[in-house]
N, C-alpha and C. Protein backbone atom coordinates (compact mmCIF):
# COMPACT_ATOMS: atom_id res chain seq x y z
N MET A 1 110.75 146.34 108.78
CA MET A 1 109.77 147.17 109.44
C MET A 1 108.50 146.34 109.66
N ILE A 2 107.94 146.46 110.83
CA ILE A 2 106.71 145.75 111.19
C ILE A 2 105.57 146.77 111.24
N TYR A 3 104.49 146.45 110.56
CA TYR A 3 103.31 147.30 110.59
C TYR A 3 102.30 146.73 111.58
N SER A 4 101.57 147.61 112.22
CA SER A 4 100.61 147.17 113.25
C SER A 4 99.55 146.23 112.68
N ARG A 5 99.21 146.37 111.42
CA ARG A 5 98.21 145.48 110.82
C ARG A 5 98.73 144.05 110.67
N GLU A 6 100.06 143.89 110.75
CA GLU A 6 100.66 142.56 110.66
C GLU A 6 100.75 141.86 112.01
N LEU A 7 100.47 142.58 113.07
CA LEU A 7 100.56 142.01 114.42
C LEU A 7 99.31 141.21 114.76
N ASP A 8 99.49 140.16 115.54
CA ASP A 8 98.37 139.33 115.99
C ASP A 8 98.23 139.53 117.50
N PRO A 9 97.29 140.38 117.94
CA PRO A 9 97.16 140.67 119.37
C PRO A 9 96.72 139.45 120.18
N HIS A 10 96.26 138.40 119.52
CA HIS A 10 95.80 137.20 120.22
C HIS A 10 96.88 136.14 120.35
N PHE A 11 98.06 136.40 119.77
CA PHE A 11 99.14 135.41 119.79
C PHE A 11 99.53 135.01 121.21
N LYS A 12 99.65 135.98 122.10
CA LYS A 12 100.03 135.67 123.48
C LYS A 12 98.99 134.79 124.17
N PHE A 13 97.73 134.96 123.80
CA PHE A 13 96.67 134.13 124.39
C PHE A 13 96.69 132.72 123.81
N LEU A 14 97.07 132.63 122.54
CA LEU A 14 97.24 131.31 121.92
C LEU A 14 98.36 130.54 122.62
N ILE A 15 99.46 131.23 122.89
CA ILE A 15 100.57 130.62 123.62
C ILE A 15 100.14 130.24 125.03
N ALA A 16 99.39 131.12 125.69
CA ALA A 16 98.95 130.88 127.07
C ALA A 16 98.03 129.66 127.18
N LYS A 17 97.32 129.33 126.11
CA LYS A 17 96.44 128.15 126.12
C LYS A 17 97.23 126.86 125.95
N GLU A 18 98.42 126.98 125.44
CA GLU A 18 99.27 125.81 125.19
C GLU A 18 99.93 125.36 126.50
N PRO A 19 99.99 124.05 126.76
CA PRO A 19 100.68 123.59 127.98
C PRO A 19 102.11 124.14 128.03
N GLY A 20 102.45 124.78 129.13
CA GLY A 20 103.76 125.39 129.30
C GLY A 20 103.79 126.88 129.00
N GLY A 21 102.79 127.37 128.33
CA GLY A 21 102.78 128.78 127.96
C GLY A 21 101.93 129.65 128.85
N GLU A 22 101.38 129.06 129.89
CA GLU A 22 100.41 129.74 130.76
C GLU A 22 100.91 131.04 131.37
N ASN A 23 102.21 131.14 131.64
CA ASN A 23 102.74 132.29 132.36
C ASN A 23 103.37 133.35 131.47
N ILE A 24 103.14 133.30 130.18
CA ILE A 24 103.80 134.25 129.27
C ILE A 24 103.49 135.71 129.62
N THR A 25 102.28 135.99 130.02
CA THR A 25 101.91 137.39 130.30
C THR A 25 102.49 137.90 131.62
N LYS A 26 103.10 137.03 132.41
CA LYS A 26 103.75 137.47 133.65
C LYS A 26 105.10 138.14 133.39
N CYS A 27 105.68 137.91 132.22
CA CYS A 27 107.01 138.44 131.91
C CYS A 27 106.96 139.97 131.80
N PHE A 28 107.88 140.63 132.49
CA PHE A 28 107.98 142.08 132.37
C PHE A 28 109.35 142.48 131.81
N SER A 29 109.99 141.56 131.09
CA SER A 29 111.24 141.82 130.36
C SER A 29 112.39 142.30 131.24
N CYS A 30 112.57 141.67 132.38
CA CYS A 30 113.66 142.07 133.27
C CYS A 30 115.02 141.67 132.72
N GLY A 31 115.07 140.63 131.88
CA GLY A 31 116.33 140.20 131.27
C GLY A 31 117.10 139.17 132.06
N THR A 32 116.59 138.74 133.20
CA THR A 32 117.28 137.74 134.01
C THR A 32 117.48 136.45 133.22
N CYS A 33 116.50 136.09 132.42
CA CYS A 33 116.58 134.86 131.62
C CYS A 33 117.73 134.93 130.62
N THR A 34 117.90 136.07 130.00
CA THR A 34 118.93 136.24 129.00
C THR A 34 120.32 136.30 129.63
N ALA A 35 120.42 136.91 130.80
CA ALA A 35 121.72 137.08 131.47
C ALA A 35 122.36 135.75 131.83
N GLY A 36 121.56 134.75 132.19
CA GLY A 36 122.13 133.48 132.61
C GLY A 36 122.07 132.38 131.57
N CYS A 37 121.60 132.68 130.39
CA CYS A 37 121.39 131.67 129.35
C CYS A 37 122.71 131.23 128.70
N PRO A 38 123.05 129.94 128.79
CA PRO A 38 124.29 129.47 128.18
C PRO A 38 124.25 129.52 126.64
N VAL A 39 123.08 129.35 126.05
CA VAL A 39 122.97 129.43 124.59
C VAL A 39 123.21 130.87 124.15
N ARG A 40 122.69 131.81 124.89
CA ARG A 40 122.86 133.23 124.59
C ARG A 40 124.34 133.62 124.62
N GLU A 41 125.12 132.98 125.48
CA GLU A 41 126.56 133.26 125.54
C GLU A 41 127.27 132.83 124.27
N ILE A 42 126.72 131.81 123.60
CA ILE A 42 127.35 131.28 122.39
C ILE A 42 126.88 132.02 121.15
N THR A 43 125.60 132.35 121.10
CA THR A 43 125.06 133.01 119.91
C THR A 43 124.07 134.10 120.28
N ASP A 44 124.16 135.19 119.57
CA ASP A 44 123.22 136.29 119.77
C ASP A 44 121.86 135.99 119.14
N ARG A 45 121.79 134.93 118.36
CA ARG A 45 120.52 134.60 117.70
C ARG A 45 119.45 134.18 118.69
N TYR A 46 119.87 133.66 119.87
CA TYR A 46 118.90 133.22 120.86
C TYR A 46 118.87 134.20 122.02
N ASN A 47 117.70 134.80 122.22
CA ASN A 47 117.52 135.76 123.29
C ASN A 47 116.10 135.57 123.85
N PRO A 48 115.96 134.83 124.95
CA PRO A 48 114.62 134.53 125.46
C PRO A 48 113.79 135.78 125.73
N ARG A 49 114.41 136.80 126.26
CA ARG A 49 113.69 138.05 126.55
C ARG A 49 113.11 138.65 125.27
N LYS A 50 113.89 138.66 124.21
CA LYS A 50 113.45 139.22 122.93
C LYS A 50 112.32 138.36 122.33
N ILE A 51 112.46 137.05 122.41
CA ILE A 51 111.43 136.15 121.88
C ILE A 51 110.10 136.37 122.61
N ILE A 52 110.16 136.44 123.93
CA ILE A 52 108.94 136.66 124.71
C ILE A 52 108.33 138.02 124.39
N ARG A 53 109.18 139.03 124.27
CA ARG A 53 108.69 140.38 123.95
C ARG A 53 108.00 140.39 122.58
N MET A 54 108.61 139.73 121.61
CA MET A 54 108.01 139.65 120.27
C MET A 54 106.66 138.94 120.33
N ALA A 55 106.59 137.87 121.12
CA ALA A 55 105.34 137.12 121.25
C ALA A 55 104.27 137.98 121.91
N LEU A 56 104.64 138.71 122.95
CA LEU A 56 103.68 139.57 123.64
C LEU A 56 103.18 140.70 122.74
N LEU A 57 104.03 141.17 121.86
CA LEU A 57 103.65 142.23 120.93
C LEU A 57 102.78 141.72 119.78
N GLY A 58 102.71 140.40 119.62
CA GLY A 58 101.89 139.83 118.56
C GLY A 58 102.62 139.57 117.26
N MET A 59 103.93 139.47 117.32
CA MET A 59 104.74 139.24 116.12
C MET A 59 104.77 137.74 115.79
N LYS A 60 103.61 137.19 115.58
CA LYS A 60 103.44 135.75 115.39
C LYS A 60 104.28 135.22 114.22
N LYS A 61 104.17 135.84 113.06
CA LYS A 61 104.91 135.37 111.88
C LYS A 61 106.41 135.33 112.14
N GLU A 62 106.92 136.40 112.72
CA GLU A 62 108.36 136.50 112.97
C GLU A 62 108.84 135.47 113.99
N VAL A 63 108.05 135.25 115.03
CA VAL A 63 108.44 134.29 116.06
C VAL A 63 108.40 132.86 115.53
N LEU A 64 107.32 132.50 114.86
CA LEU A 64 107.16 131.12 114.41
C LEU A 64 108.06 130.77 113.23
N ALA A 65 108.36 131.73 112.38
CA ALA A 65 109.18 131.45 111.20
C ALA A 65 110.67 131.44 111.50
N ASN A 66 111.08 132.04 112.59
CA ASN A 66 112.50 132.15 112.88
C ASN A 66 113.00 130.89 113.58
N GLN A 67 114.21 130.51 113.24
CA GLN A 67 114.80 129.29 113.82
C GLN A 67 115.26 129.47 115.26
N PHE A 68 115.27 130.70 115.78
CA PHE A 68 115.80 130.91 117.12
C PHE A 68 114.99 130.21 118.21
N ILE A 69 113.72 129.95 117.98
CA ILE A 69 112.92 129.29 119.02
C ILE A 69 113.40 127.86 119.27
N TRP A 70 114.10 127.29 118.30
CA TRP A 70 114.55 125.90 118.41
C TRP A 70 115.90 125.79 119.12
N LEU A 71 116.49 126.90 119.50
CA LEU A 71 117.83 126.89 120.10
C LEU A 71 117.84 126.67 121.61
N CYS A 72 116.71 126.78 122.28
CA CYS A 72 116.67 126.61 123.74
C CYS A 72 117.18 125.22 124.10
N SER A 73 118.14 125.18 125.02
CA SER A 73 118.72 123.89 125.43
C SER A 73 117.98 123.27 126.61
N SER A 74 116.97 123.94 127.12
CA SER A 74 116.19 123.47 128.28
C SER A 74 117.09 123.16 129.48
N CYS A 75 118.02 124.05 129.73
CA CYS A 75 118.93 123.87 130.87
C CYS A 75 118.29 124.31 132.18
N TYR A 76 117.21 125.07 132.10
CA TYR A 76 116.42 125.55 133.24
C TYR A 76 117.11 126.61 134.09
N THR A 77 118.23 127.17 133.62
CA THR A 77 118.87 128.27 134.34
C THR A 77 117.92 129.45 134.42
N CYS A 78 117.28 129.77 133.31
CA CYS A 78 116.33 130.89 133.28
C CYS A 78 115.13 130.62 134.18
N TYR A 79 114.69 129.39 134.18
CA TYR A 79 113.54 128.99 135.00
C TYR A 79 113.84 129.22 136.48
N GLU A 80 115.04 128.83 136.89
CA GLU A 80 115.42 128.95 138.30
C GLU A 80 115.60 130.41 138.73
N ARG A 81 115.95 131.27 137.79
CA ARG A 81 116.25 132.66 138.13
C ARG A 81 115.10 133.63 137.88
N CYS A 82 114.11 133.22 137.14
CA CYS A 82 113.03 134.15 136.75
C CYS A 82 112.21 134.58 137.97
N PRO A 83 112.15 135.89 138.24
CA PRO A 83 111.39 136.37 139.39
C PRO A 83 109.87 136.28 139.19
N GLN A 84 109.42 136.07 137.98
CA GLN A 84 107.99 136.03 137.69
C GLN A 84 107.48 134.61 137.40
N ASP A 85 108.34 133.60 137.53
CA ASP A 85 107.96 132.20 137.32
C ASP A 85 107.38 131.98 135.91
N VAL A 86 108.05 132.55 134.91
CA VAL A 86 107.56 132.43 133.53
C VAL A 86 107.79 131.03 132.97
N ARG A 87 108.76 130.31 133.46
CA ARG A 87 109.05 128.94 133.02
C ARG A 87 109.41 128.90 131.54
N ILE A 88 110.48 129.56 131.21
CA ILE A 88 110.87 129.77 129.82
C ILE A 88 111.08 128.48 129.02
N PRO A 89 111.73 127.43 129.54
CA PRO A 89 111.85 126.21 128.71
C PRO A 89 110.49 125.65 128.29
N GLU A 90 109.52 125.65 129.21
CA GLU A 90 108.19 125.17 128.85
C GLU A 90 107.50 126.13 127.88
N LEU A 91 107.75 127.42 128.07
CA LEU A 91 107.21 128.43 127.16
C LEU A 91 107.75 128.24 125.75
N MET A 92 109.06 127.98 125.63
CA MET A 92 109.65 127.72 124.31
C MET A 92 109.05 126.47 123.68
N ASN A 93 108.79 125.44 124.49
CA ASN A 93 108.14 124.24 123.96
C ASN A 93 106.73 124.55 123.47
N ALA A 94 106.02 125.39 124.18
CA ALA A 94 104.67 125.78 123.76
C ALA A 94 104.72 126.50 122.41
N ILE A 95 105.69 127.40 122.27
CA ILE A 95 105.84 128.12 121.00
C ILE A 95 106.24 127.15 119.89
N LYS A 96 107.12 126.21 120.19
CA LYS A 96 107.52 125.20 119.19
C LYS A 96 106.33 124.37 118.75
N ASN A 97 105.47 124.00 119.70
CA ASN A 97 104.28 123.22 119.35
C ASN A 97 103.38 123.99 118.38
N ILE A 98 103.22 125.28 118.62
CA ILE A 98 102.42 126.11 117.72
C ILE A 98 103.09 126.19 116.35
N ALA A 99 104.40 126.34 116.34
CA ALA A 99 105.14 126.44 115.08
C ALA A 99 104.98 125.15 114.25
N VAL A 100 105.06 124.01 114.91
CA VAL A 100 104.89 122.74 114.20
C VAL A 100 103.50 122.64 113.62
N ARG A 101 102.48 123.01 114.39
CA ARG A 101 101.11 122.98 113.87
C ARG A 101 100.92 123.94 112.70
N ASP A 102 101.71 125.02 112.68
CA ASP A 102 101.64 125.98 111.58
C ASP A 102 102.51 125.56 110.39
N GLY A 103 103.14 124.39 110.49
CA GLY A 103 103.98 123.90 109.40
C GLY A 103 105.36 124.51 109.35
N LYS A 104 105.80 125.09 110.45
CA LYS A 104 107.12 125.73 110.51
C LYS A 104 108.11 124.80 111.23
N THR A 105 108.27 123.62 110.69
CA THR A 105 109.14 122.63 111.30
C THR A 105 110.54 122.76 110.71
N PRO A 106 111.58 122.81 111.55
CA PRO A 106 112.94 122.91 111.00
C PRO A 106 113.33 121.64 110.26
N ALA A 107 114.27 121.77 109.34
CA ALA A 107 114.69 120.65 108.50
C ALA A 107 115.14 119.44 109.33
N ALA A 108 115.85 119.69 110.42
CA ALA A 108 116.33 118.58 111.25
C ALA A 108 115.16 117.77 111.82
N MET A 109 114.10 118.46 112.21
CA MET A 109 112.94 117.75 112.76
C MET A 109 112.23 116.96 111.66
N LYS A 110 112.19 117.50 110.45
CA LYS A 110 111.58 116.78 109.33
C LYS A 110 112.34 115.48 109.08
N THR A 111 113.65 115.53 109.20
CA THR A 111 114.48 114.33 109.04
C THR A 111 114.14 113.30 110.12
N LEU A 112 113.98 113.76 111.36
CA LEU A 112 113.63 112.86 112.45
C LEU A 112 112.25 112.23 112.22
N ILE A 113 111.31 113.00 111.73
CA ILE A 113 109.97 112.49 111.44
C ILE A 113 110.05 111.42 110.35
N ASP A 114 110.86 111.67 109.33
CA ASP A 114 111.04 110.68 108.26
C ASP A 114 111.63 109.38 108.81
N LEU A 115 112.62 109.50 109.71
CA LEU A 115 113.22 108.32 110.32
C LEU A 115 112.20 107.55 111.15
N LEU A 116 111.41 108.28 111.95
CA LEU A 116 110.37 107.63 112.74
C LEU A 116 109.37 106.90 111.86
N SER A 117 108.99 107.53 110.78
CA SER A 117 108.02 106.95 109.86
C SER A 117 108.58 105.70 109.19
N ALA A 118 109.84 105.75 108.80
CA ALA A 118 110.45 104.64 108.07
C ALA A 118 110.81 103.45 108.96
N HIS A 119 111.27 103.73 110.19
CA HIS A 119 111.79 102.66 111.03
C HIS A 119 111.05 102.48 112.36
N GLY A 120 110.17 103.40 112.69
CA GLY A 120 109.47 103.32 113.96
C GLY A 120 110.33 103.80 115.12
N ARG A 121 111.50 104.27 114.83
CA ARG A 121 112.45 104.79 115.82
C ARG A 121 113.44 105.68 115.08
N LEU A 122 114.31 106.35 115.82
CA LEU A 122 115.24 107.28 115.18
C LEU A 122 116.44 106.59 114.56
N LEU A 123 116.67 105.34 114.92
CA LEU A 123 117.77 104.57 114.34
C LEU A 123 117.21 103.29 113.74
N GLU A 124 117.70 102.95 112.57
CA GLU A 124 117.29 101.70 111.94
C GLU A 124 117.96 100.54 112.67
N ILE A 125 117.18 99.53 113.00
CA ILE A 125 117.73 98.33 113.61
C ILE A 125 117.91 97.30 112.50
N THR A 126 119.16 96.99 112.22
CA THR A 126 119.47 96.06 111.14
C THR A 126 119.66 94.65 111.69
N GLU A 127 119.94 93.74 110.80
CA GLU A 127 120.20 92.35 111.19
C GLU A 127 121.41 92.28 112.13
N PHE A 128 122.40 93.14 111.90
CA PHE A 128 123.59 93.17 112.75
C PHE A 128 123.22 93.46 114.21
N GLU A 129 122.42 94.51 114.43
CA GLU A 129 122.02 94.86 115.79
C GLU A 129 121.21 93.73 116.43
N ASN A 130 120.33 93.11 115.68
CA ASN A 130 119.53 92.01 116.23
C ASN A 130 120.39 90.79 116.53
N ASP A 131 121.42 90.54 115.71
CA ASP A 131 122.36 89.44 116.01
C ASP A 131 123.08 89.69 117.33
N LYS A 132 123.51 90.92 117.54
CA LYS A 132 124.18 91.28 118.80
C LYS A 132 123.23 91.14 119.98
N ARG A 133 121.98 91.55 119.80
CA ARG A 133 120.98 91.42 120.86
C ARG A 133 120.79 89.94 121.20
N LYS A 134 120.75 89.11 120.18
CA LYS A 134 120.57 87.67 120.38
C LYS A 134 121.73 87.09 121.20
N GLU A 135 122.96 87.53 120.88
CA GLU A 135 124.15 87.08 121.62
C GLU A 135 124.05 87.39 123.11
N PHE A 136 123.45 88.52 123.45
CA PHE A 136 123.31 88.92 124.85
C PHE A 136 122.01 88.46 125.48
N GLY A 137 121.26 87.66 124.77
CA GLY A 137 120.00 87.15 125.30
C GLY A 137 118.88 88.17 125.35
N LEU A 138 118.99 89.20 124.54
CA LEU A 138 117.96 90.23 124.48
C LEU A 138 116.95 89.90 123.38
N PRO A 139 115.71 90.33 123.55
CA PRO A 139 114.72 90.06 122.50
C PRO A 139 115.04 90.84 121.22
N LEU A 140 114.67 90.26 120.09
CA LEU A 140 114.89 90.93 118.81
C LEU A 140 113.92 92.10 118.68
N ILE A 141 114.35 93.11 117.97
CA ILE A 141 113.50 94.28 117.75
C ILE A 141 112.88 94.15 116.37
N GLN A 142 111.58 94.21 116.35
CA GLN A 142 110.84 94.10 115.10
C GLN A 142 110.74 95.47 114.43
N GLY A 143 110.67 95.47 113.13
CA GLY A 143 110.58 96.72 112.38
C GLY A 143 109.15 97.14 112.10
N ARG A 144 108.31 97.18 113.13
CA ARG A 144 106.91 97.58 112.95
C ARG A 144 106.78 99.09 113.03
N THR A 145 106.15 99.67 112.02
CA THR A 145 106.00 101.13 111.99
C THR A 145 104.55 101.58 111.93
N GLU A 146 103.61 100.65 111.89
CA GLU A 146 102.21 101.02 111.71
C GLU A 146 101.71 101.97 112.80
N ASP A 147 102.01 101.65 114.06
CA ASP A 147 101.54 102.48 115.18
C ASP A 147 102.17 103.88 115.13
N VAL A 148 103.45 103.93 114.81
CA VAL A 148 104.14 105.22 114.73
C VAL A 148 103.53 106.05 113.59
N LYS A 149 103.27 105.41 112.46
CA LYS A 149 102.67 106.13 111.33
C LYS A 149 101.28 106.66 111.69
N LYS A 150 100.51 105.87 112.45
CA LYS A 150 99.19 106.34 112.89
C LYS A 150 99.31 107.59 113.75
N ILE A 151 100.26 107.56 114.68
CA ILE A 151 100.46 108.70 115.58
C ILE A 151 100.90 109.93 114.78
N LEU A 152 101.86 109.76 113.89
CA LEU A 152 102.33 110.88 113.08
C LEU A 152 101.22 111.43 112.20
N LYS A 153 100.41 110.55 111.65
CA LYS A 153 99.29 111.00 110.82
C LYS A 153 98.27 111.77 111.65
N GLU A 154 97.96 111.26 112.86
CA GLU A 154 97.02 111.92 113.75
C GLU A 154 97.51 113.31 114.15
N LEU A 155 98.82 113.44 114.32
CA LEU A 155 99.42 114.73 114.67
C LEU A 155 99.59 115.65 113.47
N GLY A 156 99.32 115.13 112.28
CA GLY A 156 99.47 115.92 111.07
C GLY A 156 100.92 116.06 110.65
N LEU A 157 101.76 115.12 111.09
CA LEU A 157 103.19 115.21 110.79
C LEU A 157 103.63 114.22 109.72
N HIS A 158 102.72 113.42 109.20
CA HIS A 158 103.10 112.44 108.19
C HIS A 158 102.06 112.44 107.10
N ASN A 159 102.53 112.60 105.90
CA ASN A 159 101.64 112.60 104.75
C ASN A 159 102.17 111.55 103.78
N GLU A 160 101.49 110.44 103.65
CA GLU A 160 101.95 109.31 102.83
C GLU A 160 102.25 109.71 101.39
N GLU A 161 101.39 110.56 100.78
CA GLU A 161 101.60 110.97 99.40
C GLU A 161 102.87 111.81 99.26
N GLU A 162 103.09 112.68 100.25
CA GLU A 162 104.21 113.60 100.19
C GLU A 162 105.54 112.89 100.39
N ARG A 163 105.60 111.92 101.30
CA ARG A 163 106.84 111.26 101.66
C ARG A 163 107.07 109.97 100.88
N GLY A 164 106.00 109.43 100.34
CA GLY A 164 106.12 108.15 99.64
C GLY A 164 106.02 107.02 100.61
N PRO A 165 105.86 105.80 100.09
CA PRO A 165 105.72 104.64 100.97
C PRO A 165 107.01 104.34 101.70
N SER A 166 106.89 103.82 102.93
CA SER A 166 108.07 103.47 103.72
C SER A 166 108.22 101.99 103.82
């Protein structure tokens, strides 16, 4: 049960200020986005119309804490069909950005952040990969992570004490 005192009437405006979220208030819940969504066909957990409705109602905690916002495949089917030009893939990215700033990052993303912090990329480049690159006349890849760590720290996504030295 949701109580009105738990609703955040400014949530939709917070989303609207985020790049990609500008058109959230144009949605009138026609359901066109949900009808053509390939993710929705696979799982009932993802329903763009329901997510937008919850956001418009101010259900900030429920929207940001739920993993369903991370299921959008950005196929743009909803974008192409939406009569109100809501731009749902960009809207979902705006909501995800807010969720990350609120510390509601899914476990998979935390793993990716750890990999970026440790290796400066999502895959570790070992001596084997650099030997292969050398065979093909490609430059060796250095394991520099300082710049990536600066960016992650600036974004509030890396905490040296919490993760330990890399």
